[in-house]
Amino acid sequence: DVTCIDTIMDEKFGKAGTPERDNFRKEAFAFCVGKIIFDARKSEKITQSELAFKIGTNKSYISRIEHGIVEPSAGLFLRIIDALGLKFEIVK
């Protein structure tokens, strides 16, 4: 029996466009951004403190980003990407 992912999402997090589903989506994006930053930082072998210093913030804020608790602003995200030697590309 094949189940559509939309059906599962609707049951678990509410229909698309509802506050519950929107909140889940926001949390999922924050988690993914944090995971990308964490993996890149580990790959570069730098500490949270070192990354924080490079971008002008503090270690606890980097930790909260990596754990998906907060999402960095676009500007801070781009500074993090640059500090980690990554490239950000917008394509259509």
Protein backbone atom coordinates (compact mmCIF):
# COMPACT_ATOMS: atom_id res chain seq x y z
CA ASP A 1 0.00 0.00 0.00
CA VAL A 2 1.51 3.32 -1.10
CA THR A 3 0.83 6.42 0.98
CA CYS A 4 1.33 9.92 -0.37
CA ILE A 5 3.72 12.07 1.69
CA ASP A 6 1.16 14.89 1.59
CA THR A 7 -1.36 12.63 3.34
CA ILE A 8 1.15 11.84 6.08
CA MET A 9 2.09 15.52 6.45
CA ASP A 10 -1.59 16.53 6.59
CA GLU A 11 -2.29 13.98 9.34
CA LYS A 12 0.80 14.75 11.38
CA PHE A 13 1.21 18.52 10.93
CA GLY A 14 -2.08 19.81 9.53
CA LYS A 15 -3.09 20.86 6.04
CA ALA A 16 -0.82 23.06 3.93
CA GLY A 17 -1.34 26.71 4.84
CA THR A 18 -2.38 26.04 8.44
CA PRO A 19 -0.34 27.59 11.27
CA GLU A 20 0.70 24.11 12.46
CA ARG A 21 2.04 23.10 9.04
CA ASP A 22 3.75 26.48 8.56
CA ASN A 23 5.41 26.16 11.97
CA PHE A 24 6.64 22.65 11.14
CA ARG A 25 8.06 23.91 7.85
CA LYS A 26 9.87 26.77 9.60
CA GLU A 27 11.36 24.37 12.17
CA ALA A 28 12.41 21.97 9.40
CA PHE A 29 14.21 24.75 7.52
CA ALA A 30 15.96 25.91 10.70
CA PHE A 31 17.08 22.33 11.39
CA CYS A 32 18.43 21.91 7.83
CA VAL A 33 20.31 25.23 7.90
CA GLY A 34 21.83 24.29 11.25
CA LYS A 35 22.89 20.89 9.98
CA ILE A 36 24.53 22.39 6.88
CA ILE A 37 26.47 24.86 9.03
CA PHE A 38 27.45 22.22 11.59
CA ASP A 39 28.70 19.80 8.92
CA ALA A 40 30.64 22.53 7.08
CA ARG A 41 32.21 23.79 10.31
CA LYS A 42 33.30 20.28 11.30
CA SER A 43 34.68 19.72 7.81
CA GLU A 44 36.76 22.89 8.14
CA LYS A 45 37.89 21.75 11.62
CA ILE A 46 37.02 25.01 13.35
CA THR A 47 35.27 25.46 16.66
CA GLN A 48 32.04 27.32 17.26
CA SER A 49 34.09 29.99 19.03
CA GLU A 50 36.40 30.42 16.04
CA LEU A 51 33.47 30.69 13.63
CA ALA A 52 31.72 33.15 15.93
CA PHE A 53 34.83 35.34 16.07
CA LYS A 54 35.18 35.32 12.28
CA ILE A 55 31.63 36.58 11.77
CA GLY A 56 31.33 38.87 14.77
CA THR A 57 28.94 36.98 17.01
CA ASN A 58 29.27 34.63 19.98
CA LYS A 59 29.63 30.88 20.44
CA SER A 60 26.21 30.42 22.02
CA TYR A 61 24.51 31.98 18.98
CA ILE A 62 26.38 29.59 16.65
CA SER A 63 25.27 26.71 18.87
CA ARG A 64 21.63 27.83 18.71
CA ILE A 65 21.84 28.07 14.91
CA GLU A 66 23.41 24.62 14.61
CA HIS A 67 20.71 23.12 16.82
CA GLY A 68 17.94 24.69 14.74
CA ILE A 69 16.75 26.87 17.61
CA VAL A 70 17.22 30.12 15.68
CA GLU A 71 17.58 30.97 12.03
CA PRO A 72 20.33 33.41 11.11
CA SER A 73 19.39 36.50 9.13
CA ALA A 74 20.24 36.38 5.44
CA GLY A 75 23.27 38.61 5.99
CA LEU A 76 24.61 36.52 8.85
CA PHE A 77 23.99 33.32 6.91
CA LEU A 78 26.05 34.67 4.01
CA ARG A 79 28.86 35.69 6.40
CA ILE A 80 28.84 32.18 7.88
CA ILE A 81 28.95 30.60 4.43
CA ASP A 82 31.86 32.85 3.46
CA ALA A 83 33.74 32.14 6.70
CA LEU A 84 33.38 28.41 6.08
CA GLY A 85 34.72 28.72 2.54
CA LEU A 86 31.41 27.77 0.98
CA LYS A 87 29.70 29.25 -2.04
CA PHE A 88 26.10 30.40 -2.12
CA GLU A 89 24.43 30.45 -5.50
CA ILE A 90 20.97 31.64 -6.47
CA VAL A 91 19.77 30.01 -9.66
CA LYS A 92 16.52 29.84 -11.50
